[in-house]
């Protein structure tokens, strides 16, 4: 159930998007300690974003999980996801914010019910 929603002002080529989705799925599952089969990654490219008053390459992310998050895990996720964005889209890590949400089971729906 970990879900990573990424927004960037860079248009994303389908091949690069596939790489990002695959890489992000693996690292989110590994770092949080959840099965890859439950990880969802959304990548929204070409979104108008201004960061620090400029429209240079930038990104914003939100990661929601039922448990598994905390200060050290969040720091590792932030670093690793920023590295993926730097490698694949050339977005400097100083132009990337990510927000973490630790959700209760009853606030996360799946398969017609909640966790």
PDB file of N, CA and C in Angstrom:
ATOM      1  N   UNK A   1       0.777  -1.207   0.000  1.00  0.00           N
ATOM      2  CA  UNK A   1       0.000   0.000   0.000  1.00  0.00           C
ATOM      3  C   UNK A   1       0.817   1.268   0.000  1.00  0.00           C
ATOM      4  N   UNK A   2       2.148   1.196   0.090  1.00  0.00           N
ATOM      5  CA  UNK A   2       2.863   2.461  -0.067  1.00  0.00           C
ATOM      6  C   UNK A   2       2.578   3.042  -1.450  1.00  0.00           C
ATOM      7  N   UNK A   3       2.242   4.329  -1.480  1.00  0.00           N
ATOM      8  CA  UNK A   3       1.943   5.007  -2.737  1.00  0.00           C
ATOM      9  C   UNK A   3       2.799   6.251  -2.833  1.00  0.00           C
ATOM     10  N   UNK A   4       3.551   6.335  -3.922  1.00  0.00           N
ATOM     11  CA  UNK A   4       4.395   7.494  -4.186  1.00  0.00           C
ATOM     12  C   UNK A   4       3.826   8.225  -5.389  1.00  0.00           C
ATOM     13  N   UNK A   5       3.419   9.467  -5.175  1.00  0.00           N
ATOM     14  CA  UNK A   5       2.872  10.306  -6.233  1.00  0.00           C
ATOM     15  C   UNK A   5       3.909  11.381  -6.540  1.00  0.00           C
ATOM     16  N   UNK A   6       4.464  11.355  -7.744  1.00  0.00           N
ATOM     17  CA  UNK A   6       5.503  12.300  -8.148  1.00  0.00           C
ATOM     18  C   UNK A   6       4.978  13.249  -9.217  1.00  0.00           C
ATOM     19  N   UNK A   7       5.293  14.521  -9.062  1.00  0.00           N
ATOM     20  CA  UNK A   7       4.956  15.550 -10.037  1.00  0.00           C
ATOM     21  C   UNK A   7       6.253  16.224 -10.468  1.00  0.00           C
ATOM     22  N   UNK A   8       6.413  16.455 -11.753  1.00  0.00           N
ATOM     23  CA  UNK A   8       7.571  17.190 -12.238  1.00  0.00           C
ATOM     24  C   UNK A   8       7.177  18.086 -13.401  1.00  0.00           C
ATOM     25  N   UNK A   9       7.916  19.163 -13.581  1.00  0.00           N
ATOM     26  CA  UNK A   9       7.645  20.047 -14.704  1.00  0.00           C
ATOM     27  C   UNK A   9       8.383  19.594 -15.965  1.00  0.00           C
ATOM     28  N   UNK A  10       9.087  18.491 -15.888  1.00  0.00           N
ATOM     29  CA  UNK A  10       9.780  17.926 -17.042  1.00  0.00           C
ATOM     30  C   UNK A  10       8.829  16.978 -17.771  1.00  0.00           C
ATOM     31  N   UNK A  11       8.668  17.134 -19.101  1.00  0.00           N
ATOM     32  CA  UNK A  11       7.920  16.118 -19.852  1.00  0.00           C
ATOM     33  C   UNK A  11       8.695  14.797 -19.778  1.00  0.00           C
ATOM     34  N   UNK A  12       8.003  13.712 -19.517  1.00  0.00           N
ATOM     35  CA  UNK A  12       8.679  12.439 -19.295  1.00  0.00           C
ATOM     36  C   UNK A  12       8.431  11.492 -20.462  1.00  0.00           C
ATOM     37  N   UNK A  13       9.521  11.101 -21.090  1.00  0.00           N
ATOM     38  CA  UNK A  13       9.496  10.116 -22.176  1.00  0.00           C
ATOM     39  C   UNK A  13       8.990   8.782 -21.612  1.00  0.00           C
ATOM     40  N   UNK A  14       8.159   8.042 -22.371  1.00  0.00           N
ATOM     41  CA  UNK A  14       7.605   6.777 -21.861  1.00  0.00           C
ATOM     42  C   UNK A  14       8.664   5.761 -21.419  1.00  0.00           C
ATOM     43  N   UNK A  15       9.785   5.696 -22.109  1.00  0.00           N
ATOM     44  CA  UNK A  15      10.830   4.745 -21.726  1.00  0.00           C
ATOM     45  C   UNK A  15      11.454   5.151 -20.392  1.00  0.00           C
ATOM     46  N   UNK A  16      11.731   6.441 -20.232  1.00  0.00           N
ATOM     47  CA  UNK A  16      12.280   6.946 -18.968  1.00  0.00           C
ATOM     48  C   UNK A  16      11.257   6.761 -17.847  1.00  0.00           C
ATOM     49  N   UNK A  17       9.984   7.012 -18.151  1.00  0.00           N
ATOM     50  CA  UNK A  17       8.924   6.831 -17.142  1.00  0.00           C
ATOM     51  C   UNK A  17       8.917   5.391 -16.644  1.00  0.00           C
ATOM     52  N   UNK A  18       9.035   4.441 -17.552  1.00  0.00           N
ATOM     53  CA  UNK A  18       9.064   3.028 -17.166  1.00  0.00           C
ATOM     54  C   UNK A  18      10.233   2.730 -16.238  1.00  0.00           C
ATOM     55  N   UNK A  19      11.392   3.295 -16.550  1.00  0.00           N
ATOM     56  CA  UNK A  19      12.570   3.109 -15.699  1.00  0.00           C
ATOM     57  C   UNK A  19      12.332   3.679 -14.307  1.00  0.00           C
ATOM     58  N   UNK A  20      11.767   4.879 -14.255  1.00  0.00           N
ATOM     59  CA  UNK A  20      11.505   5.527 -12.968  1.00  0.00           C
ATOM     60  C   UNK A  20      10.500   4.711 -12.158  1.00  0.00           C
ATOM     61  N   UNK A  21       9.424   4.270 -12.796  1.00  0.00           N
ATOM     62  CA  UNK A  21       8.402   3.482 -12.101  1.00  0.00           C
ATOM     63  C   UNK A  21       9.006   2.195 -11.534  1.00  0.00           C
ATOM     64  N   UNK A  22       9.808   1.505 -12.334  1.00  0.00           N
ATOM     65  CA  UNK A  22      10.433   0.259 -11.896  1.00  0.00           C
ATOM     66  C   UNK A  22      11.408   0.511 -10.734  1.00  0.00           C
ATOM     67  N   UNK A  23      12.303   1.485 -10.922  1.00  0.00           N
ATOM     68  CA  UNK A  23      13.311   1.775  -9.890  1.00  0.00           C
ATOM     69  C   UNK A  23      12.667   2.253  -8.590  1.00  0.00           C
ATOM     70  N   UNK A  24      11.698   3.142  -8.699  1.00  0.00           N
ATOM     71  CA  UNK A  24      11.041   3.675  -7.506  1.00  0.00           C
ATOM     72  C   UNK A  24      10.265   2.583  -6.765  1.00  0.00           C
ATOM     73  N   UNK A  25       9.617   1.692  -7.501  1.00  0.00           N
ATOM     74  CA  UNK A  25       8.898   0.590  -6.865  1.00  0.00           C
ATOM     75  C   UNK A  25       9.845  -0.247  -6.017  1.00  0.00           C
ATOM     76  N   UNK A  26      10.981  -0.590  -6.595  1.00  0.00           N
ATOM     77  CA  UNK A  26      11.947  -1.428  -5.876  1.00  0.00           C
ATOM     78  C   UNK A  26      12.471  -0.745  -4.610  1.00  0.00           C
ATOM     79  N   UNK A  27      12.870   0.522  -4.721  1.00  0.00           N
ATOM     80  CA  UNK A  27      13.465   1.185  -3.552  1.00  0.00           C
ATOM     81  C   UNK A  27      12.436   1.478  -2.467  1.00  0.00           C
ATOM     82  N   UNK A  28      11.233   1.870  -2.848  1.00  0.00           N
ATOM     83  CA  UNK A  28      10.194   2.127  -1.843  1.00  0.00           C
ATOM     84  C   UNK A  28       9.887   0.836  -1.082  1.00  0.00           C
ATOM     85  N   UNK A  29       9.711  -0.257  -1.801  1.00  0.00           N
ATOM     86  CA  UNK A  29       9.427  -1.536  -1.135  1.00  0.00           C
ATOM     87  C   UNK A  29      10.566  -1.931  -0.205  1.00  0.00           C
ATOM     88  N   UNK A  30      11.782  -1.833  -0.690  1.00  0.00           N
ATOM     89  CA  UNK A  30      12.937  -2.260   0.102  1.00  0.00           C
ATOM     90  C   UNK A  30      13.133  -1.392   1.342  1.00  0.00           C
ATOM     91  N   UNK A  31      13.085  -0.089   1.171  1.00  0.00           N
ATOM     92  CA  UNK A  31      13.364   0.816   2.294  1.00  0.00           C
ATOM     93  C   UNK A  31      12.266   0.767   3.352  1.00  0.00           C
ATOM     94  N   UNK A  32      10.997   0.696   2.912  1.00  0.00           N
ATOM     95  CA  UNK A  32       9.891   0.652   3.881  1.00  0.00           C
ATOM     96  C   UNK A  32       9.714  -0.759   4.446  1.00  0.00           C
ATOM     97  N   UNK A  33      10.112  -1.765   3.671  1.00  0.00           N
ATOM     98  CA  UNK A  33       9.959  -3.140   4.127  1.00  0.00           C
ATOM     99  C   UNK A  33       8.601  -3.727   3.802  1.00  0.00           C
ATOM    100  N   UNK A  34       8.053  -3.320   2.655  1.00  0.00           N
ATOM    101  CA  UNK A  34       6.757  -3.834   2.213  1.00  0.00           C
ATOM    102  C   UNK A  34       6.963  -4.599   0.906  1.00  0.00           C
ATOM    103  N   UNK A  35       6.065  -5.528   0.553  1.00  0.00           N
ATOM    104  CA  UNK A  35       6.200  -6.254  -0.712  1.00  0.00           C
ATOM    105  C   UNK A  35       6.004  -5.318  -1.919  1.00  0.00           C
ATOM    106  N   UNK A  36       6.788  -5.544  -2.968  1.00  0.00           N
ATOM    107  CA  UNK A  36       6.638  -4.754  -4.193  1.00  0.00           C
ATOM    108  C   UNK A  36       5.220  -4.844  -4.752  1.00  0.00           C
ATOM    109  N   UNK A  37       4.554  -5.953  -4.521  1.00  0.00           N
ATOM    110  CA  UNK A  37       3.212  -6.153  -5.081  1.00  0.00           C
ATOM    111  C   UNK A  37       2.186  -5.157  -4.537  1.00  0.00           C
ATOM    112  N   UNK A  38       2.507  -4.474  -3.435  1.00  0.00           N
ATOM    113  CA  UNK A  38       1.595  -3.487  -2.863  1.00  0.00           C
ATOM    114  C   UNK A  38       1.997  -2.048  -3.145  1.00  0.00           C
ATOM    115  N   UNK A  39       3.162  -1.844  -3.755  1.00  0.00           N
ATOM    116  CA  UNK A  39       3.663  -0.488  -3.984  1.00  0.00           C
ATOM    117  C   UNK A  39       3.056   0.098  -5.257  1.00  0.00           C
ATOM    118  N   UNK A  40       2.571   1.332  -5.171  1.00  0.00           N
ATOM    119  CA  UNK A  40       2.045   2.053  -6.332  1.00  0.00           C
ATOM    120  C   UNK A  40       2.855   3.321  -6.517  1.00  0.00           C
ATOM    121  N   UNK A  41       3.273   3.562  -7.758  1.00  0.00           N
ATOM    122  CA  UNK A  41       4.012   4.771  -8.101  1.00  0.00           C
ATOM    123  C   UNK A  41       3.236   5.486  -9.201  1.00  0.00           C
ATOM    124  N   UNK A  42       2.985   6.771  -9.022  1.00  0.00           N
ATOM    125  CA  UNK A  42       2.352   7.597 -10.053  1.00  0.00           C
ATOM    126  C   UNK A  42       3.364   8.646 -10.472  1.00  0.00           C
ATOM    127  N   UNK A  43       3.502   8.852 -11.770  1.00  0.00           N
ATOM    128  CA  UNK A  43       4.448   9.830 -12.285  1.00  0.00           C
ATOM    129  C   UNK A  43       3.709  10.785 -13.201  1.00  0.00           C
ATOM    130  N   UNK A  44       3.675  12.043 -12.802  1.00  0.00           N
ATOM    131  CA  UNK A  44       2.963  13.077 -13.546  1.00  0.00           C
ATOM    132  C   UNK A  44       3.988  14.049 -14.123  1.00  0.00           C
ATOM    133  N   UNK A  45       4.269  13.953 -15.421  1.00  0.00           N
ATOM    134  CA  UNK A  45       5.251  14.812 -16.060  1.00  0.00           C
ATOM    135  C   UNK A  45       4.596  15.995 -16.750  1.00  0.00           C
ATOM    136  N   UNK A  46       5.388  17.020 -16.979  1.00  0.00           N
ATOM    137  CA  UNK A  46       4.896  18.195 -17.686  1.00  0.00           C
ATOM    138  C   UNK A  46       3.919  19.039 -16.890  1.00  0.00           C
ATOM    139  N   UNK A  47       3.973  18.945 -15.564  1.00  0.00           N
ATOM    140  CA  UNK A  47       3.084  19.713 -14.690  1.00  0.00           C
ATOM    141  C   UNK A  47       3.707  21.092 -14.456  1.00  0.00           C
ATOM    142  N   UNK A  48       2.962  22.172 -14.632  1.00  0.00           N
ATOM    143  CA  UNK A  48       3.541  23.491 -14.354  1.00  0.00           C
ATOM    144  C   UNK A  48       3.961  23.593 -12.882  1.00  0.00           C
ATOM    145  N   UNK A  49       5.247  23.836 -12.668  1.00  0.00           N
ATOM    146  CA  UNK A  49       5.789  23.983 -11.315  1.00  0.00           C
ATOM    147  C   UNK A  49       6.781  25.141 -11.317  1.00  0.00           C
ATOM    148  N   UNK A  50       6.632  26.025 -10.358  1.00  0.00           N
ATOM    149  CA  UNK A  50       7.646  27.044 -10.091  1.00  0.00           C
ATOM    150  C   UNK A  50       8.229  26.735  -8.722  1.00  0.00           C
ATOM    151  N   UNK A  51       9.531  26.743  -8.628  1.00  0.00           N
ATOM    152  CA  UNK A  51      10.228  26.492  -7.371  1.00  0.00           C
ATOM    153  C   UNK A  51      11.251  27.605  -7.209  1.00  0.00           C
ATOM    154  N   UNK A  52      11.159  28.342  -6.122  1.00  0.00           N
ATOM    155  CA  UNK A  52      12.090  29.445  -5.898  1.00  0.00           C
ATOM    156  C   UNK A  52      11.965  30.544  -6.938  1.00  0.00           C
ATOM    157  N   UNK A  53      10.772  30.672  -7.510  1.00  0.00           N
ATOM    158  CA  UNK A  53      10.521  31.724  -8.484  1.00  0.00           C
ATOM    159  C   UNK A  53      10.956  31.410  -9.901  1.00  0.00           C
ATOM    160  N   UNK A  54      11.454  30.177 -10.142  1.00  0.00           N
ATOM    161  CA  UNK A  54      11.839  29.812 -11.508  1.00  0.00           C
ATOM    162  C   UNK A  54      11.119  28.535 -11.929  1.00  0.00           C
ATOM    163  N   UNK A  55      11.108  28.311 -13.212  1.00  0.00           N
ATOM    164  CA  UNK A  55      10.507  27.092 -13.754  1.00  0.00           C
ATOM    165  C   UNK A  55      11.578  26.105 -14.229  1.00  0.00           C
ATOM    166  N   UNK A  56      12.769  26.219 -13.662  1.00  0.00           N
ATOM    167  CA  UNK A  56      13.812  25.238 -13.936  1.00  0.00           C
ATOM    168  C   UNK A  56      13.320  23.869 -13.466  1.00  0.00           C
ATOM    169  N   UNK A  57      13.946  22.772 -13.940  1.00  0.00           N
ATOM    170  CA  UNK A  57      13.492  21.435 -13.547  1.00  0.00           C
ATOM    171  C   UNK A  57      13.308  21.304 -12.038  1.00  0.00           C
ATOM    172  N   UNK A  58      12.136  20.806 -11.663  1.00  0.00           N
ATOM    173  CA  UNK A  58      11.779  20.636 -10.256  1.00  0.00           C
ATOM    174  C   UNK A  58      10.800  19.476 -10.122  1.00  0.00           C
ATOM    175  N   UNK A  59      10.624  19.012  -8.891  1.00  0.00           N
ATOM    176  CA  UNK A  59       9.680  17.923  -8.641  1.00  0.00           C
ATOM    177  C   UNK A  59       9.129  18.022  -7.226  1.00  0.00           C
ATOM    178  N   UNK A  60       7.965  17.418  -7.047  1.00  0.00           N
ATOM    179  CA  UNK A  60       7.316  17.320  -5.745  1.00  0.00           C
ATOM    180  C   UNK A  60       6.778  15.903  -5.614  1.00  0.00           C
ATOM    181  N   UNK A  61       6.904  15.334  -4.439  1.00  0.00           N
ATOM    182  CA  UNK A  61       6.389  13.991  -4.212  1.00  0.00           C
ATOM    183  C   UNK A  61       5.640  13.887  -2.908  1.00  0.00           C
ATOM    184  N   UNK A  62       4.723  12.931  -2.868  1.00  0.00           N
ATOM    185  CA  UNK A  62       4.020  12.575  -1.637  1.00  0.00           C
ATOM    186  C   UNK A  62       4.062  11.058  -1.515  1.00  0.00           C
ATOM    187  N   UNK A  63       4.519  10.596  -0.373  1.00  0.00           N
ATOM    188  CA  UNK A  63       4.564   9.164  -0.127  1.00  0.00           C
ATOM    189  C   UNK A  63       3.662   8.845   1.054  1.00  0.00           C
ATOM    190  N   UNK A  64       2.706   7.960   0.814  1.00  0.00           N
ATOM    191  CA  UNK A  64       1.736   7.565   1.831  1.00  0.00           C
ATOM    192  C   UNK A  64       1.965   6.087   2.128  1.00  0.00           C
ATOM    193  N   UNK A  65       1.981   5.733   3.389  1.00  0.00           N
ATOM    194  CA  UNK A  65       2.152   4.333   3.757  1.00  0.00           C
ATOM    195  C   UNK A  65       1.432   4.066   5.072  1.00  0.00           C
ATOM    196  N   UNK A  66       1.015   2.829   5.229  1.00  0.00           N
ATOM    197  CA  UNK A  66       0.468   2.383   6.508  1.00  0.00           C
ATOM    198  C   UNK A  66       1.654   1.799   7.267  1.00  0.00           C
ATOM    199  N   UNK A  67       2.226   2.587   8.136  1.00  0.00           N
ATOM    200  CA  UNK A  67       3.391   2.143   8.885  1.00  0.00           C
ATOM    201  C   UNK A  67       4.647   2.124   8.029  1.00  0.00           C
ATOM    202  N   UNK A  68       5.751   1.860   8.673  1.00  0.00           N
ATOM    203  CA  UNK A  68       7.026   1.746   7.981  1.00  0.00           C
ATOM    204  C   UNK A  68       7.778   3.058   7.816  1.00  0.00           C
ATOM    205  N   UNK A  69       7.129   4.190   8.105  1.00  0.00           N
ATOM    206  CA  UNK A  69       7.783   5.484   7.953  1.00  0.00           C
ATOM    207  C   UNK A  69       8.315   5.957   9.303  1.00  0.00           C
ATOM    208  N   UNK A  70       9.264   6.846   9.242  1.00  0.00           N
ATOM    209  CA  UNK A  70       9.872   7.416  10.445  1.00  0.00           C
ATOM    210  C   UNK A  70      11.072   8.237  10.012  1.00  0.00           C
ATOM    211  N   UNK A  71      11.689   8.954  10.939  1.00  0.00           N
ATOM    212  CA  UNK A  71      12.770   9.876  10.572  1.00  0.00           C
ATOM    213  C   UNK A  71      13.875   9.262   9.719  1.00  0.00           C
ATOM    214  N   UNK A  72      14.430   8.122  10.096  1.00  0.00           N
ATOM    215  CA  UNK A  72      15.547   7.558   9.330  1.00  0.00           C
ATOM    216  C   UNK A  72      15.075   6.970   8.000  1.00  0.00           C
ATOM    217  N   UNK A  73      13.927   6.324   7.999  1.00  0.00           N
ATOM    218  CA  UNK A  73      13.364   5.770   6.756  1.00  0.00           C
ATOM    219  C   UNK A  73      13.024   6.905   5.786  1.00  0.00           C
ATOM    220  N   UNK A  74      12.393   7.959   6.298  1.00  0.00           N
ATOM    221  CA  UNK A  74      12.025   9.091   5.446  1.00  0.00           C
ATOM    222  C   UNK A  74      13.255   9.745   4.823  1.00  0.00           C
ATOM    223  N   UNK A  75      14.307   9.900   5.611  1.00  0.00           N
ATOM    224  CA  UNK A  75      15.539  10.495   5.095  1.00  0.00           C
ATOM    225  C   UNK A  75      16.131   9.639   3.979  1.00  0.00           C
ATOM    226  N   UNK A  76      16.123   8.327   4.173  1.00  0.00           N
ATOM    227  CA  UNK A  76      16.661   7.420   3.148  1.00  0.00           C
ATOM    228  C   UNK A  76      15.792   7.447   1.893  1.00  0.00           C
ATOM    229  N   UNK A  77      14.470   7.474   2.067  1.00  0.00           N
ATOM    230  CA  UNK A  77      13.566   7.558   0.914  1.00  0.00           C
ATOM    231  C   UNK A  77      13.777   8.861   0.154  1.00  0.00           C
ATOM    232  N   UNK A  78      13.874   9.962   0.881  1.00  0.00           N
ATOM    233  CA  UNK A  78      14.079  11.263   0.253  1.00  0.00           C
ATOM    234  C   UNK A  78      15.354  11.267  -0.575  1.00  0.00           C
ATOM    235  N   UNK A  79      16.422  10.772  -0.009  1.00  0.00           N
ATOM    236  CA  UNK A  79      17.705  10.725  -0.701  1.00  0.00           C
ATOM    237  C   UNK A  79      17.658   9.827  -1.934  1.00  0.00           C
ATOM    238  N   UNK A  80      17.085   8.650  -1.788  1.00  0.00           N
ATOM    239  CA  UNK A  80      17.070   7.675  -2.870  1.00  0.00           C
ATOM    240  C   UNK A  80      16.159   8.107  -4.016  1.00  0.00           C
ATOM    241  N   UNK A  81      14.995   8.643  -3.692  1.00  0.00           N
ATOM    242  CA  UNK A  81      14.078   9.102  -4.739  1.00  0.00           C
ATOM    243  C   UNK A  81      14.664  10.320  -5.450  1.00  0.00           C
ATOM    244  N   UNK A  82      15.290  11.224  -4.687  1.00  0.00           N
ATOM    245  CA  UNK A  82      15.958  12.380  -5.300  1.00  0.00           C
ATOM    246  C   UNK A  82      17.055  11.917  -6.257  1.00  0.00           C
ATOM    247  N   UNK A  83      17.768  10.867  -5.886  1.00  0.00           N
ATOM    248  CA  UNK A  83      18.826  10.338  -6.750  1.00  0.00           C
ATOM    249  C   UNK A  83      18.253   9.780  -8.050  1.00  0.00           C
ATOM    250  N   UNK A  84      17.112   9.096  -7.968  1.00  0.00           N
ATOM    251  CA  UNK A  84      16.456   8.582  -9.179  1.00  0.00           C
ATOM    252  C   UNK A  84      16.075   9.743 -10.088  1.00  0.00           C
ATOM    253  N   UNK A  85      15.484  10.799  -9.515  1.00  0.00           N
ATOM    254  CA  UNK A  85      15.069  11.958 -10.315  1.00  0.00           C
ATOM    255  C   UNK A  85      16.276  12.678 -10.913  1.00  0.00           C
ATOM    256  N   UNK A  86      17.374  12.733 -10.175  1.00  0.00           N
ATOM    257  CA  UNK A  86      18.598  13.355 -10.682  1.00  0.00           C
ATOM    258  C   UNK A  86      19.153  12.541 -11.855  1.00  0.00           C
ATOM    259  N   UNK A  87      19.206  11.234 -11.701  1.00  0.00           N
ATOM    260  CA  UNK A  87      19.781  10.358 -12.718  1.00  0.00           C
ATOM    261  C   UNK A  87      18.921  10.297 -13.977  1.00  0.00           C
ATOM    262  N   UNK A  88      17.625  10.175 -13.805  1.00  0.00           N
ATOM    263  CA  UNK A  88      16.727   9.958 -14.949  1.00  0.00           C
ATOM    264  C   UNK A  88      16.226  11.246 -15.593  1.00  0.00           C
ATOM    265  N   UNK A  89      16.006  12.308 -14.772  1.00  0.00           N
ATOM    266  CA  UNK A  89      15.401  13.540 -15.308  1.00  0.00           C
ATOM    267  C   UNK A  89      16.279  14.778 -15.113  1.00  0.00           C
ATOM    268  N   UNK A  90      17.443  14.612 -14.509  1.00  0.00           N
ATOM    269  CA  UNK A  90      18.381  15.724 -14.283  1.00  0.00           C
ATOM    270  C   UNK A  90      17.782  16.823 -13.396  1.00  0.00           C
ATOM    271  N   UNK A  91      16.969  16.402 -12.423  1.00  0.00           N
ATOM    272  CA  UNK A  91      16.402  17.341 -11.455  1.00  0.00           C
ATOM    273  C   UNK A  91      17.321  17.366 -10.242  1.00  0.00           C
ATOM    274  N   UNK A  92      17.880  18.523  -9.956  1.00  0.00           N
ATOM    275  CA  UNK A  92      18.772  18.659  -8.815  1.00  0.00           C
ATOM    276  C   UNK A  92      17.990  18.398  -7.522  1.00  0.00           C
ATOM    277  N   UNK A  93      18.624  17.719  -6.583  1.00  0.00           N
ATOM    278  CA  UNK A  93      17.932  17.374  -5.333  1.00  0.00           C
ATOM    279  C   UNK A  93      17.514  18.604  -4.532  1.00  0.00           C
ATOM    280  N   UNK A  94      18.145  19.746  -4.791  1.00  0.00           N
ATOM    281  CA  UNK A  94      17.751  20.981  -4.098  1.00  0.00           C
ATOM    282  C   UNK A  94      16.469  21.575  -4.680  1.00  0.00           C
ATOM    283  N   UNK A  95      15.925  20.928  -5.731  1.00  0.00           N
ATOM    284  CA  UNK A  95      14.682  21.399  -6.354  1.00  0.00           C
ATOM    285  C   UNK A  95      13.609  20.305  -6.273  1.00  0.00           C
ATOM    286  N   UNK A  96      13.628  19.571  -5.165  1.00  0.00           N
ATOM    287  CA  UNK A  96      12.705  18.454  -4.955  1.00  0.00           C
ATOM    288  C   UNK A  96      12.250  18.446  -3.503  1.00  0.00           C
ATOM    289  N   UNK A  97      10.943  18.536  -3.315  1.00  0.00           N
ATOM    290  CA  UNK A  97      10.334  18.354  -1.992  1.00  0.00           C
ATOM    291  C   UNK A  97       9.600  17.016  -2.004  1.00  0.00           C
ATOM    292  N   UNK A  98       9.551  16.382  -0.847  1.00  0.00           N
ATOM    293  CA  UNK A  98       8.727  15.182  -0.692  1.00  0.00           C
ATOM    294  C   UNK A  98       8.074  15.230   0.690  1.00  0.00           C
ATOM    295  N   UNK A  99       6.801  14.911   0.728  1.00  0.00           N
ATOM    296  CA  UNK A  99       6.016  14.902   1.971  1.00  0.00           C
ATOM    297  C   UNK A  99       5.657  13.461   2.289  1.00  0.00           C
ATOM    298  N   UNK A 100       5.781  13.097   3.549  1.00  0.00           N
ATOM    299  CA  UNK A 100       5.490  11.733   3.990  1.00  0.00           C
ATOM    300  C   UNK A 100       4.234  11.715   4.855  1.00  0.00           C
ATOM    301  N   UNK A 101       3.379  10.746   4.583  1.00  0.00           N
ATOM    302  CA  UNK A 101       2.150  10.569   5.353  1.00  0.00           C
ATOM    303  C   UNK A 101       2.104   9.140   5.874  1.00  0.00           C
ATOM    304  N   UNK A 102       1.987   8.976   7.172  1.00  0.00           N
ATOM    305  CA  UNK A 102       1.782   7.666   7.775  1.00  0.00           C
ATOM    306  C   UNK A 102       0.279   7.550   8.029  1.00  0.00           C
ATOM    307  N   UNK A 103      -0.367   6.695   7.260  1.00  0.00           N
ATOM    308  CA  UNK A 103      -1.826   6.601   7.288  1.00  0.00           C
ATOM    309  C   UNK A 103      -2.307   5.459   8.174  1.00  0.00           C
ATOM    310  N   UNK A 104      -3.489   5.636   8.736  1.00  0.00           N
ATOM    311  CA  UNK A 104      -4.139   4.554   9.467  1.00  0.00           C
ATOM    312  C   UNK A 104      -4.748   3.577   8.461  1.00  0.00           C
ATOM    313  N   UNK A 105      -4.835   2.322   8.835  1.00  0.00           N
ATOM    314  CA  UNK A 105      -5.388   1.282   7.938  1.00  0.00           C
ATOM    315  C   UNK A 105      -6.785   1.641   7.441  1.00  0.00           C
ATOM    316  N   UNK A 106      -7.604   2.180   8.314  1.00  0.00           N
ATOM    317  CA  UNK A 106      -8.993   2.468   7.934  1.00  0.00           C
ATOM    318  C   UNK A 106      -9.104   3.658   6.985  1.00  0.00           C
ATOM    319  N   UNK A 107      -8.022   4.380   6.767  1.00  0.00           N
ATOM    320  CA  UNK A 107      -8.024   5.537   5.851  1.00  0.00           C
ATOM    321  C   UNK A 107      -7.438   5.190   4.491  1.00  0.00           C
ATOM    322  N   UNK A 108      -7.174   3.912   4.247  1.00  0.00           N
ATOM    323  CA  UNK A 108      -6.566   3.491   2.983  1.00  0.00           C
ATOM    324  C   UNK A 108      -7.412   2.361   2.400  1.00  0.00           C
ATOM    325  N   UNK A 109      -8.068   2.641   1.277  1.00  0.00           N
ATOM    326  CA  UNK A 109      -8.945   1.666   0.661  1.00  0.00           C
ATOM    327  C   UNK A 109      -8.213   0.749  -0.302  1.00  0.00           C
ATOM    328  N   UNK A 110      -8.703  -0.496  -0.403  1.00  0.00           N
ATOM    329  CA  UNK A 110      -8.136  -1.472  -1.331  1.00  0.00           C
ATOM    330  C   UNK A 110      -9.123  -2.621  -1.494  1.00  0.00           C
ATOM    331  N   UNK A 111      -9.288  -3.044  -2.727  1.00  0.00           N
ATOM    332  CA  UNK A 111     -10.076  -4.235  -3.026  1.00  0.00           C
ATOM    333  C   UNK A 111     -11.508  -4.151  -2.484  1.00  0.00           C
ATOM    334  N   UNK A 112     -12.096  -2.948  -2.575  1.00  0.00           N
ATOM    335  CA  UNK A 112     -13.474  -2.763  -2.159  1.00  0.00           C
ATOM    336  C   UNK A 112     -13.666  -2.612  -0.656  1.00  0.00           C
ATOM    337  N   UNK A 113     -12.578  -2.516   0.085  1.00  0.00           N
ATOM    338  CA  UNK A 113     -12.667  -2.359   1.535  1.00  0.00           C
ATOM    339  C   UNK A 113     -11.529  -1.442   1.981  1.00  0.00           C
ATOM    340  N   UNK A 114     -11.076  -1.608   3.189  1.00  0.00           N
ATOM    341  CA  UNK A 114      -9.893  -0.877   3.679  1.00  0.00           C
ATOM    342  C   UNK A 114      -8.922  -1.912   4.242  1.00  0.00           C
ATOM    343  N   UNK A 115      -7.718  -1.455   4.482  1.00  0.00           N
ATOM    344  CA  UNK A 115      -6.723  -2.358   5.060  1.00  0.00           C
ATOM    345  C   UNK A 115      -7.020  -2.585   6.531  1.00  0.00           C
TER     346      UNK A 115
END
